[in-house]
Amino acid sequence: MSVARLLLNGRAAKAYGVASMMLVLWLGGFFDKQAKLVKIYPTQGVVETVYPKAYLIRLNDGRKARVTREIEVTKGTAVELKVSLYADNSEKAVLVGKVKKTGKP
């Protein structure tokens, strides 16, 4: 029996098809178990480190968050973020923009 016949007989083809479908779904994130969104709240922070595709931001409460570079800012810039809090106590921060400076001296 040749390898081609072994791979393409009825039972083997079905097994390979199901296995490849499960692999594609797993790699695509279909089986990710993300908890329910509890709340979204705004916060501010300062850019601490600039990476090629992300920023490390020190939040006002002392925590740190890594966010993707959606806007161009430099190290030391004050920025606004939106933080999503989930039921499993995980959080995800998204960069909104720079903090607007007031005209006060």
N, C-alpha and C. Protein backbone atom coordinates (compact mmCIF):
# COMPACT_ATOMS: atom_id res chain seq x y z
N MET A 1 0.85 -1.17 0.00
CA MET A 1 0.00 0.00 0.00
C MET A 1 0.90 1.24 0.00
N SER A 2 0.62 2.16 -0.89
CA SER A 2 1.46 3.35 -0.99
C SER A 2 1.08 4.36 0.09
N VAL A 3 1.96 5.31 0.31
CA VAL A 3 1.73 6.35 1.32
C VAL A 3 0.53 7.21 0.93
N ALA A 4 0.38 7.51 -0.36
CA ALA A 4 -0.74 8.33 -0.82
C ALA A 4 -2.07 7.65 -0.51
N ARG A 5 -2.17 6.35 -0.74
CA ARG A 5 -3.41 5.64 -0.44
C ARG A 5 -3.67 5.60 1.06
N LEU A 6 -2.62 5.43 1.82
CA LEU A 6 -2.77 5.39 3.27
C LEU A 6 -3.30 6.72 3.81
N LEU A 7 -2.77 7.84 3.26
CA LEU A 7 -3.19 9.16 3.72
C LEU A 7 -4.57 9.55 3.23
N LEU A 8 -5.00 9.01 2.10
CA LEU A 8 -6.24 9.46 1.50
C LEU A 8 -7.40 8.47 1.60
N ASN A 9 -7.25 7.37 2.36
CA ASN A 9 -8.40 6.48 2.50
C ASN A 9 -9.45 7.18 3.36
N GLY A 10 -10.65 6.70 3.39
CA GLY A 10 -11.78 7.38 4.01
C GLY A 10 -11.60 7.75 5.47
N ARG A 11 -11.22 6.82 6.31
CA ARG A 11 -11.10 7.09 7.74
C ARG A 11 -9.94 8.04 8.04
N ALA A 12 -8.81 7.81 7.40
CA ALA A 12 -7.64 8.65 7.66
C ALA A 12 -7.89 10.08 7.20
N ALA A 13 -8.54 10.25 6.05
CA ALA A 13 -8.82 11.60 5.54
C ALA A 13 -9.73 12.36 6.51
N LYS A 14 -10.72 11.68 7.06
CA LYS A 14 -11.61 12.33 8.03
C LYS A 14 -10.84 12.72 9.29
N ALA A 15 -9.99 11.84 9.76
CA ALA A 15 -9.21 12.13 10.96
C ALA A 15 -8.26 13.30 10.74
N TYR A 16 -7.58 13.31 9.58
CA TYR A 16 -6.69 14.42 9.27
C TYR A 16 -7.46 15.73 9.12
N GLY A 17 -8.62 15.67 8.52
CA GLY A 17 -9.45 16.87 8.37
C GLY A 17 -9.89 17.45 9.70
N VAL A 18 -10.35 16.59 10.59
CA VAL A 18 -10.79 17.05 11.91
C VAL A 18 -9.61 17.60 12.70
N ALA A 19 -8.48 16.91 12.65
CA ALA A 19 -7.30 17.38 13.39
C ALA A 19 -6.82 18.73 12.86
N SER A 20 -6.80 18.90 11.54
CA SER A 20 -6.35 20.18 10.99
C SER A 20 -7.35 21.29 11.29
N MET A 21 -8.64 20.99 11.29
CA MET A 21 -9.65 22.00 11.63
C MET A 21 -9.49 22.45 13.09
N MET A 22 -9.26 21.51 14.00
CA MET A 22 -9.07 21.85 15.40
C MET A 22 -7.81 22.68 15.59
N LEU A 23 -6.76 22.37 14.85
CA LEU A 23 -5.52 23.13 14.94
C LEU A 23 -5.73 24.57 14.45
N VAL A 24 -6.45 24.73 13.36
CA VAL A 24 -6.71 26.08 12.83
C VAL A 24 -7.56 26.88 13.82
N LEU A 25 -8.57 26.26 14.40
CA LEU A 25 -9.41 26.97 15.39
C LEU A 25 -8.60 27.35 16.62
N TRP A 26 -7.74 26.46 17.07
CA TRP A 26 -6.92 26.75 18.26
C TRP A 26 -5.94 27.87 17.98
N LEU A 27 -5.27 27.82 16.83
CA LEU A 27 -4.32 28.88 16.48
C LEU A 27 -5.00 30.21 16.23
N GLY A 28 -6.23 30.17 15.76
CA GLY A 28 -6.98 31.39 15.49
C GLY A 28 -7.58 32.02 16.73
N GLY A 29 -7.45 31.39 17.87
CA GLY A 29 -7.96 31.96 19.11
C GLY A 29 -9.41 31.63 19.40
N PHE A 30 -9.98 30.66 18.71
CA PHE A 30 -11.38 30.32 18.91
C PHE A 30 -11.63 29.78 20.31
N PHE A 31 -10.66 29.10 20.89
CA PHE A 31 -10.85 28.49 22.19
C PHE A 31 -10.34 29.36 23.33
N ASP A 32 -10.03 30.62 23.06
CA ASP A 32 -9.61 31.50 24.14
C ASP A 32 -10.79 31.72 25.09
N LYS A 33 -10.51 31.67 26.36
CA LYS A 33 -11.56 31.85 27.35
C LYS A 33 -11.37 33.20 28.01
N GLN A 34 -11.87 34.23 27.39
CA GLN A 34 -11.76 35.56 27.96
C GLN A 34 -13.01 35.81 28.80
N ALA A 35 -12.79 36.34 29.97
CA ALA A 35 -13.88 36.57 30.91
C ALA A 35 -14.75 37.74 30.43
N LYS A 36 -15.89 37.90 31.11
CA LYS A 36 -16.81 38.99 30.80
C LYS A 36 -16.22 40.33 31.19
N LEU A 37 -16.50 41.33 30.39
CA LEU A 37 -16.06 42.70 30.66
C LEU A 37 -16.86 43.26 31.83
N VAL A 38 -16.15 43.75 32.86
CA VAL A 38 -16.81 44.30 34.04
C VAL A 38 -16.97 45.80 33.89
N LYS A 39 -15.86 46.50 33.57
CA LYS A 39 -15.95 47.94 33.38
C LYS A 39 -14.75 48.43 32.59
N ILE A 40 -14.91 49.62 32.04
CA ILE A 40 -13.84 50.33 31.35
C ILE A 40 -13.65 51.65 32.07
N TYR A 41 -12.40 51.96 32.42
CA TYR A 41 -12.15 53.22 33.11
C TYR A 41 -10.94 53.92 32.52
N PRO A 42 -10.97 55.26 32.52
CA PRO A 42 -9.83 56.01 32.00
C PRO A 42 -8.76 56.19 33.07
N THR A 43 -7.53 56.30 32.64
CA THR A 43 -6.42 56.57 33.54
C THR A 43 -5.33 57.29 32.76
N GLN A 44 -4.33 57.75 33.47
CA GLN A 44 -3.22 58.44 32.84
C GLN A 44 -1.91 57.81 33.28
N GLY A 45 -0.88 58.04 32.49
CA GLY A 45 0.43 57.51 32.80
C GLY A 45 1.50 58.25 32.02
N VAL A 46 2.75 57.82 32.21
CA VAL A 46 3.89 58.43 31.54
C VAL A 46 4.65 57.33 30.80
N VAL A 47 5.03 57.61 29.56
CA VAL A 47 5.78 56.65 28.76
C VAL A 47 7.16 56.47 29.39
N GLU A 48 7.45 55.24 29.80
CA GLU A 48 8.70 54.95 30.47
C GLU A 48 9.75 54.39 29.51
N THR A 49 9.33 53.52 28.58
CA THR A 49 10.24 52.90 27.63
C THR A 49 9.54 52.81 26.28
N VAL A 50 10.30 53.08 25.21
CA VAL A 50 9.78 53.00 23.86
C VAL A 50 10.41 51.79 23.18
N TYR A 51 9.57 50.86 22.72
CA TYR A 51 10.01 49.69 21.99
C TYR A 51 9.61 49.85 20.53
N PRO A 52 10.13 49.02 19.62
CA PRO A 52 9.77 49.17 18.21
C PRO A 52 8.27 49.09 17.92
N LYS A 53 7.53 48.25 18.65
CA LYS A 53 6.10 48.11 18.38
C LYS A 53 5.22 48.36 19.60
N ALA A 54 5.81 48.82 20.71
CA ALA A 54 5.02 49.01 21.93
C ALA A 54 5.65 50.07 22.82
N TYR A 55 4.88 50.46 23.84
CA TYR A 55 5.35 51.38 24.87
C TYR A 55 5.16 50.70 26.22
N LEU A 56 6.07 50.97 27.15
CA LEU A 56 5.88 50.59 28.54
C LEU A 56 5.50 51.86 29.27
N ILE A 57 4.32 51.86 29.88
CA ILE A 57 3.78 53.06 30.50
C ILE A 57 3.63 52.84 32.00
N ARG A 58 4.13 53.79 32.79
CA ARG A 58 3.95 53.77 34.24
C ARG A 58 2.68 54.54 34.55
N LEU A 59 1.70 53.85 35.09
CA LEU A 59 0.41 54.48 35.41
C LEU A 59 0.54 55.33 36.66
N ASN A 60 -0.43 56.20 36.87
CA ASN A 60 -0.41 57.10 38.03
C ASN A 60 -0.45 56.36 39.36
N ASP A 61 -1.03 55.16 39.38
CA ASP A 61 -1.10 54.40 40.63
C ASP A 61 0.13 53.51 40.84
N GLY A 62 1.14 53.62 39.99
CA GLY A 62 2.39 52.89 40.17
C GLY A 62 2.51 51.62 39.35
N ARG A 63 1.41 51.12 38.83
CA ARG A 63 1.47 49.92 38.01
C ARG A 63 2.06 50.24 36.64
N LYS A 64 2.43 49.21 35.89
CA LYS A 64 2.97 49.40 34.56
C LYS A 64 2.10 48.65 33.56
N ALA A 65 2.00 49.22 32.36
CA ALA A 65 1.22 48.59 31.30
C ALA A 65 1.99 48.67 30.00
N ARG A 66 1.94 47.59 29.24
CA ARG A 66 2.56 47.58 27.92
C ARG A 66 1.44 47.69 26.89
N VAL A 67 1.53 48.70 26.02
CA VAL A 67 0.51 48.93 25.01
C VAL A 67 1.17 49.03 23.64
N THR A 68 0.39 48.73 22.61
CA THR A 68 0.92 48.81 21.25
C THR A 68 1.08 50.26 20.82
N ARG A 69 2.00 50.50 19.90
CA ARG A 69 2.26 51.86 19.41
C ARG A 69 1.24 52.22 18.35
N GLU A 70 0.18 52.88 18.77
CA GLU A 70 -0.84 53.33 17.83
C GLU A 70 -0.62 54.79 17.45
N ILE A 71 -0.01 55.56 18.34
CA ILE A 71 0.35 56.93 18.05
C ILE A 71 1.82 57.10 18.39
N GLU A 72 2.46 58.08 17.82
CA GLU A 72 3.88 58.31 18.09
C GLU A 72 4.04 59.30 19.23
N VAL A 73 4.68 58.84 20.31
CA VAL A 73 5.03 59.70 21.44
C VAL A 73 6.47 59.38 21.84
N THR A 74 7.06 60.26 22.61
CA THR A 74 8.43 60.05 23.05
C THR A 74 8.45 59.68 24.53
N LYS A 75 9.61 59.25 24.98
CA LYS A 75 9.78 58.87 26.37
C LYS A 75 9.53 60.09 27.26
N GLY A 76 8.77 59.89 28.34
CA GLY A 76 8.46 60.97 29.26
C GLY A 76 7.16 61.70 28.97
N THR A 77 6.49 61.34 27.89
CA THR A 77 5.23 62.00 27.52
C THR A 77 4.09 61.46 28.38
N ALA A 78 3.25 62.35 28.88
CA ALA A 78 2.06 61.96 29.62
C ALA A 78 0.97 61.55 28.63
N VAL A 79 0.35 60.39 28.87
CA VAL A 79 -0.65 59.86 27.94
C VAL A 79 -1.90 59.44 28.70
N GLU A 80 -3.00 59.35 27.95
CA GLU A 80 -4.28 58.87 28.48
C GLU A 80 -4.50 57.44 27.98
N LEU A 81 -5.06 56.61 28.85
CA LEU A 81 -5.35 55.23 28.50
C LEU A 81 -6.76 54.87 28.91
N LYS A 82 -7.31 53.86 28.24
CA LYS A 82 -8.56 53.24 28.67
C LYS A 82 -8.21 51.84 29.09
N VAL A 83 -8.61 51.48 30.30
CA VAL A 83 -8.30 50.15 30.84
C VAL A 83 -9.60 49.36 30.94
N SER A 84 -9.61 48.17 30.35
CA SER A 84 -10.76 47.27 30.43
C SER A 84 -10.50 46.25 31.52
N LEU A 85 -11.41 46.16 32.50
CA LEU A 85 -11.30 45.22 33.60
C LEU A 85 -12.27 44.08 33.35
N TYR A 86 -11.77 42.83 33.43
CA TYR A 86 -12.58 41.65 33.17
C TYR A 86 -12.90 40.92 34.47
N ALA A 87 -13.87 40.01 34.43
CA ALA A 87 -14.33 39.30 35.62
C ALA A 87 -13.25 38.46 36.26
N ASP A 88 -12.26 38.01 35.51
CA ASP A 88 -11.18 37.20 36.08
C ASP A 88 -10.04 38.08 36.60
N ASN A 89 -10.31 39.38 36.79
CA ASN A 89 -9.37 40.38 37.29
C ASN A 89 -8.21 40.66 36.35
N SER A 90 -8.32 40.26 35.09
CA SER A 90 -7.31 40.64 34.12
C SER A 90 -7.69 42.01 33.55
N GLU A 91 -6.69 42.74 33.10
CA GLU A 91 -6.92 44.07 32.55
C GLU A 91 -6.21 44.20 31.21
N LYS A 92 -6.76 45.04 30.36
CA LYS A 92 -6.14 45.33 29.07
C LYS A 92 -6.19 46.83 28.86
N ALA A 93 -5.02 47.43 28.63
CA ALA A 93 -4.94 48.88 28.45
C ALA A 93 -4.79 49.21 26.98
N VAL A 94 -5.43 50.32 26.57
CA VAL A 94 -5.35 50.81 25.20
C VAL A 94 -4.99 52.29 25.26
N LEU A 95 -4.02 52.68 24.47
CA LEU A 95 -3.57 54.07 24.43
C LEU A 95 -4.59 54.91 23.68
N VAL A 96 -5.04 56.01 24.32
CA VAL A 96 -6.04 56.89 23.72
C VAL A 96 -5.37 58.10 23.08
N GLY A 97 -4.47 58.76 23.79
CA GLY A 97 -3.80 59.93 23.24
C GLY A 97 -2.95 60.60 24.29
N LYS A 98 -2.39 61.74 23.90
CA LYS A 98 -1.56 62.52 24.79
C LYS A 98 -2.43 63.33 25.74
N VAL A 99 -1.91 63.63 26.92
CA VAL A 99 -2.61 64.47 27.88
C VAL A 99 -2.46 65.92 27.40
N LYS A 100 -3.56 66.61 27.33
CA LYS A 100 -3.51 68.01 26.91
C LYS A 100 -3.02 68.86 28.06
N LYS A 101 -2.05 69.70 27.76
CA LYS A 101 -1.52 70.59 28.80
C LYS A 101 -2.40 71.82 28.91
N THR A 102 -2.58 72.28 30.14
CA THR A 102 -3.37 73.47 30.36
C THR A 102 -2.47 74.70 30.17
N GLY A 103 -3.06 75.85 29.98
CA GLY A 103 -2.29 77.08 29.73
C GLY A 103 -1.83 77.76 30.99
N LYS A 104 -1.95 77.09 32.15
CA LYS A 104 -1.53 77.71 33.40
C LYS A 104 -0.01 77.73 33.52
N PRO A 105 0.56 78.84 34.01
CA PRO A 105 2.01 78.90 34.15
C PRO A 105 2.53 78.13 35.34
